[in-house]
Amino acid sequence: MRKPTSRLAMGVLSALPLALVLWGCATRGPDPELERDRRRAQSHRELGVDHLSNGRPELALRELLLSDRLDPLQPDTHFALANAYLYKGRRKEAEDQLLRALEVHPEFHDARLNLSTLYLEQRRWSEALEQASILLDDPTFPGPWRALSNQGWAQLNLGMTAEARRSLEMARDYSPGYWPALLNLGILEQQAGHHLEALELYQQMLELGPDPNAEAEANYRAAEIYVSLGHRDRAVGHLMSAVARSPEGEWGKKSEEYLRLLR
C-alpha cells in the first residue's frame, strides 16, 4: 500500500467490511437477488483489498470497481478505492471516493483523516484544517494526535503560528512517540528561529525510527540549521545520512544537491 508522506497522518485500510444492514418488511425476507449482489460485492471488495495490500493496485481497482457496481453504498469499498487511486497517483479520483465514503458514512474517521491528509498534500490548507477540525470535534475519534498533527501543519501554513504550536504540542502530549508531530513542531521552531529547540525535536524524531524519507527530511532540516550556525562538518554529516537513507526520495535528492553546494 502507498505510504503516507512524511509528516501527514493517514487512516489505515481495513480488510474488514462494515456491517451490512439488511432491509425487509415483516412479511417478506430480503430480496434474494439483492443479497446475492451484496455477497458478490463483498467477495470482490475483499479480493481487491488483498491485491492492494500486496502492491497490485491495477488488480485491486478492477475488483473494487466491480464491488462498487454491485453494491454502491458500501463506504469501505470507496475507502479502498481511494487508497488504490492514491497508489496510482490519481488524487482527484481518490478525493471523489473519500467524499463518497463520507457521504454514505459521515462518521468514517479514517476516510476523513485521509481526506485531510490529501488536502495537505495538495496545499489546500483551509480544507485540510476543516476536515481535521471535524475529527477533533468528534469525541469518538480514536487517536486525536493524528488529527492534531494535520491541524497544526495546516495552521502553520496558513500563518496561524500560535494556534499551530498549541495543536502540535497537544499532539505530542497525547502521544510523545508520534514522530510526525515532532517533525512538524521542529519545522515550526526552525521557522521561528529557535534553532536549538528545533534540533532537539529533530533528534527526538530520528530516535523514533520514522520512514526513510521522513528521516531524510529531518536530517536535511538539521543540516540547514548547522550551516546557519557555522558548523559545516555537522551539516555534511546530516546530509550524508539523508542521502544514505533515502537516495531516490525527495529529501535524499535535495540533500545530495545541498552537499554539492557545500563541497
C-alpha atoms as a PDB file:
ATOM      1  CA  MET A   1       0.000   0.000   0.000  1.00  0.00           C
ATOM      2  CA  ARG A   2       1.177   3.500  -0.712  1.00  0.00           C
ATOM      3  CA  LYS A   3       2.817   5.034   2.331  1.00  0.00           C
ATOM      4  CA  PRO A   4       1.746   8.446   3.550  1.00  0.00           C
ATOM      5  CA  THR A   5       4.129  11.358   3.106  1.00  0.00           C
ATOM      6  CA  SER A   6       6.447  12.022   5.997  1.00  0.00           C
ATOM      7  CA  ARG A   7       4.547  14.454   8.195  1.00  0.00           C
ATOM      8  CA  LEU A   8       0.989  13.585   7.304  1.00  0.00           C
ATOM      9  CA  ALA A   9      -1.335  11.248   9.107  1.00  0.00           C
ATOM     10  CA  MET A  10      -3.483   8.797   7.209  1.00  0.00           C
ATOM     11  CA  GLY A  11      -6.074   6.241   8.119  1.00  0.00           C
ATOM     12  CA  VAL A  12      -5.379   2.551   7.769  1.00  0.00           C
ATOM     13  CA  LEU A  13      -7.017   0.469   5.089  1.00  0.00           C
ATOM     14  CA  SER A  14      -9.108  -2.201   6.735  1.00  0.00           C
ATOM     15  CA  ALA A  15      -9.850  -5.570   5.183  1.00  0.00           C
ATOM     16  CA  LEU A  16     -12.971  -5.889   7.308  1.00  0.00           C
ATOM     17  CA  PRO A  17     -16.164  -4.570   5.775  1.00  0.00           C
ATOM     18  CA  LEU A  18     -18.645  -2.564   7.772  1.00  0.00           C
ATOM     19  CA  ALA A  19     -21.665  -4.465   8.934  1.00  0.00           C
ATOM     20  CA  LEU A  20     -24.364  -4.752   6.302  1.00  0.00           C
ATOM     21  CA  VAL A  21     -27.853  -3.615   7.198  1.00  0.00           C
ATOM     22  CA  LEU A  22     -30.418  -5.858   5.564  1.00  0.00           C
ATOM     23  CA  TRP A  23     -33.767  -4.239   4.994  1.00  0.00           C
ATOM     24  CA  GLY A  24     -37.024  -6.113   4.666  1.00  0.00           C
ATOM     25  CA  CYS A  25     -40.585  -5.882   5.775  1.00  0.00           C
ATOM     26  CA  ALA A  26     -42.222  -8.007   8.422  1.00  0.00           C
ATOM     27  CA  THR A  27     -43.800 -10.383   5.924  1.00  0.00           C
ATOM     28  CA  ARG A  28     -41.056 -10.647   3.288  1.00  0.00           C
ATOM     29  CA  GLY A  29     -37.424 -11.615   3.582  1.00  0.00           C
ATOM     30  CA  PRO A  30     -34.595  -9.778   1.842  1.00  0.00           C
ATOM     31  CA  ASP A  31     -34.591  -9.737  -1.930  1.00  0.00           C
ATOM     32  CA  PRO A  32     -32.567 -12.843  -2.941  1.00  0.00           C
ATOM     33  CA  GLU A  33     -31.043 -11.115  -5.961  1.00  0.00           C
ATOM     34  CA  LEU A  34     -30.018  -8.102  -3.873  1.00  0.00           C
ATOM     35  CA  GLU A  35     -28.477 -10.342  -1.244  1.00  0.00           C
ATOM     36  CA  ARG A  36     -26.587 -12.245  -3.927  1.00  0.00           C
ATOM     37  CA  ASP A  37     -25.163  -8.983  -5.297  1.00  0.00           C
ATOM     38  CA  ARG A  38     -24.104  -7.912  -1.813  1.00  0.00           C
ATOM     39  CA  ARG A  39     -22.280 -11.170  -1.210  1.00  0.00           C
ATOM     40  CA  ARG A  40     -20.564 -10.918  -4.584  1.00  0.00           C
ATOM     41  CA  ALA A  41     -19.646  -7.303  -3.845  1.00  0.00           C
ATOM     42  CA  GLN A  42     -18.110  -8.310  -0.531  1.00  0.00           C
ATOM     43  CA  SER A  43     -16.037 -11.027  -2.223  1.00  0.00           C
ATOM     44  CA  HIS A  44     -14.754  -8.593  -4.845  1.00  0.00           C
ATOM     45  CA  ARG A  45     -14.006  -5.994  -2.149  1.00  0.00           C
ATOM     46  CA  GLU A  46     -12.026  -8.438  -0.015  1.00  0.00           C
ATOM     47  CA  LEU A  47     -10.070  -9.622  -3.051  1.00  0.00           C
ATOM     48  CA  GLY A  48      -9.389  -6.009  -4.044  1.00  0.00           C
ATOM     49  CA  VAL A  49      -8.111  -5.147  -0.567  1.00  0.00           C
ATOM     50  CA  ASP A  50      -5.836  -8.173  -0.682  1.00  0.00           C
ATOM     51  CA  HIS A  51      -4.432  -7.106  -4.059  1.00  0.00           C
ATOM     52  CA  LEU A  52      -3.831  -3.600  -2.755  1.00  0.00           C
ATOM     53  CA  SER A  53      -2.146  -4.818   0.421  1.00  0.00           C
ATOM     54  CA  ASN A  54       0.228  -6.821  -1.757  1.00  0.00           C
ATOM     55  CA  GLY A  55       1.108  -3.977  -4.090  1.00  0.00           C
ATOM     56  CA  ARG A  56      -1.147  -4.838  -7.017  1.00  0.00           C
ATOM     57  CA  PRO A  57      -3.188  -1.627  -7.474  1.00  0.00           C
ATOM     58  CA  GLU A  58      -4.387  -2.380 -11.004  1.00  0.00           C
ATOM     59  CA  LEU A  59      -5.922  -5.696  -9.958  1.00  0.00           C
ATOM     60  CA  ALA A  60      -7.262  -4.011  -6.819  1.00  0.00           C
ATOM     61  CA  LEU A  61      -9.033  -1.349  -8.862  1.00  0.00           C
ATOM     62  CA  ARG A  62     -10.623  -3.951 -11.109  1.00  0.00           C
ATOM     63  CA  GLU A  63     -12.073  -5.877  -8.186  1.00  0.00           C
ATOM     64  CA  LEU A  64     -13.117  -2.818  -6.210  1.00  0.00           C
ATOM     65  CA  LEU A  65     -14.890  -1.225  -9.159  1.00  0.00           C
ATOM     66  CA  LEU A  66     -16.813  -4.478  -9.660  1.00  0.00           C
ATOM     67  CA  SER A  67     -17.731  -4.396  -5.977  1.00  0.00           C
ATOM     68  CA  ASP A  68     -18.915  -0.806  -6.258  1.00  0.00           C
ATOM     69  CA  ARG A  69     -21.137  -1.595  -9.231  1.00  0.00           C
ATOM     70  CA  LEU A  70     -22.770  -4.441  -7.334  1.00  0.00           C
ATOM     71  CA  ASP A  71     -23.214  -2.549  -4.051  1.00  0.00           C
ATOM     72  CA  PRO A  72     -22.540   1.200  -4.352  1.00  0.00           C
ATOM     73  CA  LEU A  73     -23.477   2.043  -0.752  1.00  0.00           C
ATOM     74  CA  GLN A  74     -20.517   0.380   0.965  1.00  0.00           C
ATOM     75  CA  PRO A  75     -18.176   3.047   2.430  1.00  0.00           C
ATOM     76  CA  ASP A  76     -15.355   0.528   2.845  1.00  0.00           C
ATOM     77  CA  THR A  77     -15.350  -0.015  -0.913  1.00  0.00           C
ATOM     78  CA  HIS A  78     -14.997   3.718  -1.572  1.00  0.00           C
ATOM     79  CA  PHE A  79     -12.259   3.957   1.063  1.00  0.00           C
ATOM     80  CA  ALA A  80     -10.334   1.109  -0.551  1.00  0.00           C
ATOM     81  CA  LEU A  81     -10.821   2.645  -3.997  1.00  0.00           C
ATOM     82  CA  ALA A  82      -9.379   5.913  -2.681  1.00  0.00           C
ATOM     83  CA  ASN A  83      -6.290   4.095  -1.455  1.00  0.00           C
ATOM     84  CA  ALA A  84      -5.900   2.315  -4.784  1.00  0.00           C
ATOM     85  CA  TYR A  85      -6.185   5.578  -6.713  1.00  0.00           C
ATOM     86  CA  LEU A  86      -3.647   7.198  -4.388  1.00  0.00           C
ATOM     87  CA  TYR A  87      -1.296   4.310  -5.079  1.00  0.00           C
ATOM     88  CA  LYS A  88      -1.581   5.204  -8.769  1.00  0.00           C
ATOM     89  CA  GLY A  89      -1.133   8.934  -8.093  1.00  0.00           C
ATOM     90  CA  ARG A  90      -4.679   9.766  -9.190  1.00  0.00           C
ATOM     91  CA  ARG A  91      -5.596  12.224  -6.478  1.00  0.00           C
ATOM     92  CA  LYS A  92      -8.796  13.605  -7.987  1.00  0.00           C
ATOM     93  CA  GLU A  93     -10.343  10.144  -8.169  1.00  0.00           C
ATOM     94  CA  ALA A  94      -9.104   9.423  -4.637  1.00  0.00           C
ATOM     95  CA  GLU A  95     -10.751  12.584  -3.339  1.00  0.00           C
ATOM     96  CA  ASP A  96     -14.022  11.682  -5.046  1.00  0.00           C
ATOM     97  CA  GLN A  97     -14.019   8.255  -3.413  1.00  0.00           C
ATOM     98  CA  LEU A  98     -13.271   9.634   0.047  1.00  0.00           C
ATOM     99  CA  LEU A  99     -16.072  12.157  -0.296  1.00  0.00           C
ATOM    100  CA  ARG A 100     -18.378   9.369  -1.402  1.00  0.00           C
ATOM    101  CA  ALA A 101     -17.394   7.234   1.606  1.00  0.00           C
ATOM    102  CA  LEU A 102     -18.199  10.154   3.914  1.00  0.00           C
ATOM    103  CA  GLU A 103     -21.471  10.799   2.146  1.00  0.00           C
ATOM    104  CA  VAL A 104     -22.526   7.229   2.895  1.00  0.00           C
ATOM    105  CA  HIS A 105     -20.993   7.135   6.381  1.00  0.00           C
ATOM    106  CA  PRO A 106     -20.179  10.610   7.840  1.00  0.00           C
ATOM    107  CA  GLU A 107     -18.514   9.098  10.934  1.00  0.00           C
ATOM    108  CA  PHE A 108     -15.955   7.156   8.872  1.00  0.00           C
ATOM    109  CA  HIS A 109     -12.960   8.528  10.758  1.00  0.00           C
ATOM    110  CA  ASP A 110     -10.173   7.085   8.635  1.00  0.00           C
ATOM    111  CA  ALA A 111     -11.772   8.358   5.436  1.00  0.00           C
ATOM    112  CA  ARG A 112     -11.945  11.879   6.884  1.00  0.00           C
ATOM    113  CA  LEU A 113      -8.367  11.665   8.150  1.00  0.00           C
ATOM    114  CA  ASN A 114      -7.182  10.587   4.707  1.00  0.00           C
ATOM    115  CA  LEU A 115      -9.147  13.412   3.117  1.00  0.00           C
ATOM    116  CA  SER A 116      -7.444  15.893   5.448  1.00  0.00           C
ATOM    117  CA  THR A 117      -4.077  14.404   4.512  1.00  0.00           C
ATOM    118  CA  LEU A 118      -4.854  14.546   0.809  1.00  0.00           C
ATOM    119  CA  TYR A 119      -5.731  18.223   1.089  1.00  0.00           C
ATOM    120  CA  LEU A 120      -2.456  18.859   2.916  1.00  0.00           C
ATOM    121  CA  GLU A 121      -0.514  17.165   0.138  1.00  0.00           C
ATOM    122  CA  GLN A 122      -2.263  19.456  -2.338  1.00  0.00           C
ATOM    123  CA  ARG A 123      -1.608  22.547  -0.181  1.00  0.00           C
ATOM    124  CA  ARG A 124      -5.320  23.080   0.290  1.00  0.00           C
ATOM    125  CA  TRP A 125      -4.705  24.255   3.808  1.00  0.00           C
ATOM    126  CA  SER A 126      -8.146  25.579   4.714  1.00  0.00           C
ATOM    127  CA  GLU A 127      -9.918  22.443   3.517  1.00  0.00           C
ATOM    128  CA  ALA A 128      -7.437  20.238   5.367  1.00  0.00           C
ATOM    129  CA  LEU A 129      -7.974  22.265   8.530  1.00  0.00           C
ATOM    130  CA  GLU A 130     -11.738  21.919   8.214  1.00  0.00           C
ATOM    131  CA  GLN A 131     -11.575  18.121   7.953  1.00  0.00           C
ATOM    132  CA  ALA A 132      -9.130  17.801  10.863  1.00  0.00           C
ATOM    133  CA  SER A 133     -11.327  20.061  12.991  1.00  0.00           C
ATOM    134  CA  ILE A 134     -14.377  17.887  12.322  1.00  0.00           C
ATOM    135  CA  LEU A 135     -12.453  14.889  13.609  1.00  0.00           C
ATOM    136  CA  LEU A 136     -11.325  16.743  16.723  1.00  0.00           C
ATOM    137  CA  ASP A 137     -14.888  17.801  17.457  1.00  0.00           C
ATOM    138  CA  ASP A 138     -15.924  14.140  17.465  1.00  0.00           C
ATOM    139  CA  PRO A 139     -15.348  12.597  20.929  1.00  0.00           C
ATOM    140  CA  THR A 140     -15.460   9.099  19.429  1.00  0.00           C
ATOM    141  CA  PHE A 141     -12.460   9.670  17.152  1.00  0.00           C
ATOM    142  CA  PRO A 142      -9.562   7.483  18.324  1.00  0.00           C
ATOM    143  CA  GLY A 143      -6.017   8.803  18.163  1.00  0.00           C
ATOM    144  CA  PRO A 144      -6.702  12.549  18.166  1.00  0.00           C
ATOM    145  CA  TRP A 145      -2.967  13.254  17.930  1.00  0.00           C
ATOM    146  CA  ARG A 146      -3.152  12.294  14.247  1.00  0.00           C
ATOM    147  CA  ALA A 147      -5.758  14.952  13.502  1.00  0.00           C
ATOM    148  CA  LEU A 148      -3.950  17.450  15.749  1.00  0.00           C
ATOM    149  CA  SER A 149      -0.760  16.982  13.755  1.00  0.00           C
ATOM    150  CA  ASN A 150      -2.632  17.564  10.494  1.00  0.00           C
ATOM    151  CA  GLN A 151      -4.414  20.536  12.021  1.00  0.00           C
ATOM    152  CA  GLY A 152      -1.145  22.031  13.236  1.00  0.00           C
ATOM    153  CA  TRP A 153       0.538  21.645   9.852  1.00  0.00           C
ATOM    154  CA  ALA A 154      -2.399  23.344   8.118  1.00  0.00           C
ATOM    155  CA  GLN A 155      -2.423  26.148  10.678  1.00  0.00           C
ATOM    156  CA  LEU A 156       1.314  26.715  10.298  1.00  0.00           C
ATOM    157  CA  ASN A 157       0.962  27.046   6.542  1.00  0.00           C
ATOM    158  CA  LEU A 158      -1.945  29.441   6.997  1.00  0.00           C
ATOM    159  CA  GLY A 159       0.249  31.715   9.129  1.00  0.00           C
ATOM    160  CA  MET A 160      -1.522  30.724  12.375  1.00  0.00           C
ATOM    161  CA  THR A 161       1.718  30.062  14.230  1.00  0.00           C
ATOM    162  CA  ALA A 162       0.413  30.298  17.801  1.00  0.00           C
ATOM    163  CA  GLU A 163      -2.512  28.007  17.030  1.00  0.00           C
ATOM    164  CA  ALA A 164      -0.213  25.589  15.218  1.00  0.00           C
ATOM    165  CA  ARG A 165       2.122  25.398  18.204  1.00  0.00           C
ATOM    166  CA  ARG A 166      -0.801  24.595  20.509  1.00  0.00           C
ATOM    167  CA  SER A 167      -2.100  21.878  18.182  1.00  0.00           C
ATOM    168  CA  LEU A 168       1.296  20.250  17.740  1.00  0.00           C
ATOM    169  CA  GLU A 169       2.164  20.410  21.425  1.00  0.00           C
ATOM    170  CA  MET A 170      -1.193  18.811  22.219  1.00  0.00           C
ATOM    171  CA  ALA A 171      -0.431  16.069  19.693  1.00  0.00           C
ATOM    172  CA  ARG A 172       2.924  15.471  21.374  1.00  0.00           C
ATOM    173  CA  ASP A 173       1.286  15.407  24.814  1.00  0.00           C
ATOM    174  CA  TYR A 174      -1.257  12.830  23.650  1.00  0.00           C
ATOM    175  CA  SER A 175       1.396  10.643  22.031  1.00  0.00           C
ATOM    176  CA  PRO A 176       5.043  11.503  22.757  1.00  0.00           C
ATOM    177  CA  GLY A 177       6.147   8.847  20.277  1.00  0.00           C
ATOM    178  CA  TYR A 178       4.176  10.210  17.333  1.00  0.00           C
ATOM    179  CA  TRP A 179       7.023  11.408  15.157  1.00  0.00           C
ATOM    180  CA  PRO A 180       5.027  13.412  12.546  1.00  0.00           C
ATOM    181  CA  ALA A 181       4.030  15.864  15.275  1.00  0.00           C
ATOM    182  CA  LEU A 182       7.655  16.177  16.399  1.00  0.00           C
ATOM    183  CA  LEU A 183       8.770  16.855  12.837  1.00  0.00           C
ATOM    184  CA  ASN A 184       6.090  19.484  12.330  1.00  0.00           C
ATOM    185  CA  LEU A 185       6.902  21.119  15.645  1.00  0.00           C
ATOM    186  CA  GLY A 186      10.594  21.124  14.768  1.00  0.00           C
ATOM    187  CA  ILE A 187       9.832  22.907  11.498  1.00  0.00           C
ATOM    188  CA  LEU A 188       7.737  25.457  13.363  1.00  0.00           C
ATOM    189  CA  GLU A 189      10.574  26.163  15.814  1.00  0.00           C
ATOM    190  CA  GLN A 190      13.110  26.358  13.000  1.00  0.00           C
ATOM    191  CA  GLN A 191      10.985  28.896  11.146  1.00  0.00           C
ATOM    192  CA  ALA A 192      10.677  30.880  14.379  1.00  0.00           C
ATOM    193  CA  GLY A 193      14.463  30.990  14.680  1.00  0.00           C
ATOM    194  CA  HIS A 194      14.554  28.683  17.728  1.00  0.00           C
ATOM    195  CA  HIS A 195      17.358  26.574  16.369  1.00  0.00           C
ATOM    196  CA  LEU A 196      18.348  24.614  19.460  1.00  0.00           C
ATOM    197  CA  GLU A 197      14.737  23.679  20.171  1.00  0.00           C
ATOM    198  CA  ALA A 198      14.285  22.573  16.569  1.00  0.00           C
ATOM    199  CA  LEU A 199      17.446  20.449  16.640  1.00  0.00           C
ATOM    200  CA  GLU A 200      16.295  18.731  19.817  1.00  0.00           C
ATOM    201  CA  LEU A 201      12.908  17.932  18.253  1.00  0.00           C
ATOM    202  CA  TYR A 202      14.550  16.557  15.100  1.00  0.00           C
ATOM    203  CA  GLN A 203      16.823  14.373  17.207  1.00  0.00           C
ATOM    204  CA  GLN A 204      13.867  13.041  19.210  1.00  0.00           C
ATOM    205  CA  MET A 205      12.040  12.322  15.987  1.00  0.00           C
ATOM    206  CA  LEU A 206      15.020  10.490  14.452  1.00  0.00           C
ATOM    207  CA  GLU A 207      15.352   8.283  17.519  1.00  0.00           C
ATOM    208  CA  LEU A 208      11.794   7.041  16.936  1.00  0.00           C
ATOM    209  CA  GLY A 209      12.742   5.418  13.625  1.00  0.00           C
ATOM    210  CA  PRO A 210      10.494   7.210  11.094  1.00  0.00           C
ATOM    211  CA  ASP A 211      10.201   6.145   7.471  1.00  0.00           C
ATOM    212  CA  PRO A 212      13.295   6.796   5.313  1.00  0.00           C
ATOM    213  CA  ASN A 213      12.007   9.897   3.535  1.00  0.00           C
ATOM    214  CA  ALA A 214      10.922  11.483   6.824  1.00  0.00           C
ATOM    215  CA  GLU A 215      14.303  10.677   8.328  1.00  0.00           C
ATOM    216  CA  ALA A 216      15.970  12.302   5.333  1.00  0.00           C
ATOM    217  CA  GLU A 217      13.808  15.408   5.749  1.00  0.00           C
ATOM    218  CA  ALA A 218      14.739  15.780   9.419  1.00  0.00           C
ATOM    219  CA  ASN A 219      18.427  15.386   8.573  1.00  0.00           C
ATOM    220  CA  TYR A 220      18.167  17.943   5.768  1.00  0.00           C
ATOM    221  CA  ARG A 221      16.488  20.483   8.017  1.00  0.00           C
ATOM    222  CA  ALA A 222      19.035  19.859  10.780  1.00  0.00           C
ATOM    223  CA  ALA A 223      21.786  20.462   8.225  1.00  0.00           C
ATOM    224  CA  GLU A 224      20.228  23.813   7.315  1.00  0.00           C
ATOM    225  CA  ILE A 225      20.445  24.853  10.951  1.00  0.00           C
ATOM    226  CA  TYR A 226      24.042  23.708  11.357  1.00  0.00           C
ATOM    227  CA  VAL A 227      25.059  25.641   8.229  1.00  0.00           C
ATOM    228  CA  SER A 228      23.429  28.777   9.671  1.00  0.00           C
ATOM    229  CA  LEU A 229      25.358  28.219  12.915  1.00  0.00           C
ATOM    230  CA  GLY A 230      28.655  27.752  11.072  1.00  0.00           C
ATOM    231  CA  HIS A 231      29.009  24.015  11.771  1.00  0.00           C
ATOM    232  CA  ARG A 232      29.666  22.837   8.232  1.00  0.00           C
ATOM    233  CA  ASP A 233      31.032  19.413   9.185  1.00  0.00           C
ATOM    234  CA  ARG A 234      27.961  18.539  11.218  1.00  0.00           C
ATOM    235  CA  ALA A 235      25.750  19.721   8.370  1.00  0.00           C
ATOM    236  CA  VAL A 236      27.596  17.477   5.919  1.00  0.00           C
ATOM    237  CA  GLY A 237      27.140  14.514   8.262  1.00  0.00           C
ATOM    238  CA  HIS A 238      23.385  15.017   8.376  1.00  0.00           C
ATOM    239  CA  LEU A 239      23.150  15.415   4.616  1.00  0.00           C
ATOM    240  CA  MET A 240      25.130  12.239   4.026  1.00  0.00           C
ATOM    241  CA  SER A 241      22.794  10.389   6.369  1.00  0.00           C
ATOM    242  CA  ALA A 242      19.812  11.720   4.429  1.00  0.00           C
ATOM    243  CA  VAL A 243      21.236  10.536   1.102  1.00  0.00           C
ATOM    244  CA  ALA A 244      22.063   7.124   2.533  1.00  0.00           C
ATOM    245  CA  ARG A 245      18.591   6.582   3.966  1.00  0.00           C
ATOM    246  CA  SER A 246      16.546   7.858   1.005  1.00  0.00           C
ATOM    247  CA  PRO A 247      18.715   8.107  -2.121  1.00  0.00           C
ATOM    248  CA  GLU A 248      15.708   8.147  -4.501  1.00  0.00           C
ATOM    249  CA  GLY A 249      13.355  10.128  -2.282  1.00  0.00           C
ATOM    250  CA  GLU A 250      12.609  13.837  -2.425  1.00  0.00           C
ATOM    251  CA  TRP A 251      14.681  14.743   0.611  1.00  0.00           C
ATOM    252  CA  GLY A 252      17.554  12.435  -0.263  1.00  0.00           C
ATOM    253  CA  LYS A 253      17.865  14.130  -3.652  1.00  0.00           C
ATOM    254  CA  LYS A 254      17.631  17.600  -2.102  1.00  0.00           C
ATOM    255  CA  SER A 255      20.347  16.599   0.371  1.00  0.00           C
ATOM    256  CA  GLU A 256      22.593  15.429  -2.449  1.00  0.00           C
ATOM    257  CA  GLU A 257      22.181  18.806  -4.170  1.00  0.00           C
ATOM    258  CA  TYR A 258      22.959  20.615  -0.917  1.00  0.00           C
ATOM    259  CA  LEU A 259      26.079  18.537  -0.451  1.00  0.00           C
ATOM    260  CA  ARG A 260      27.355  19.604  -3.869  1.00  0.00           C
ATOM    261  CA  LEU A 261      26.951  23.239  -2.827  1.00  0.00           C
ATOM    262  CA  LEU A 262      28.887  22.709   0.405  1.00  0.00           C
ATOM    263  CA  ARG A 263      31.791  20.822  -1.131  1.00  0.00           C
END
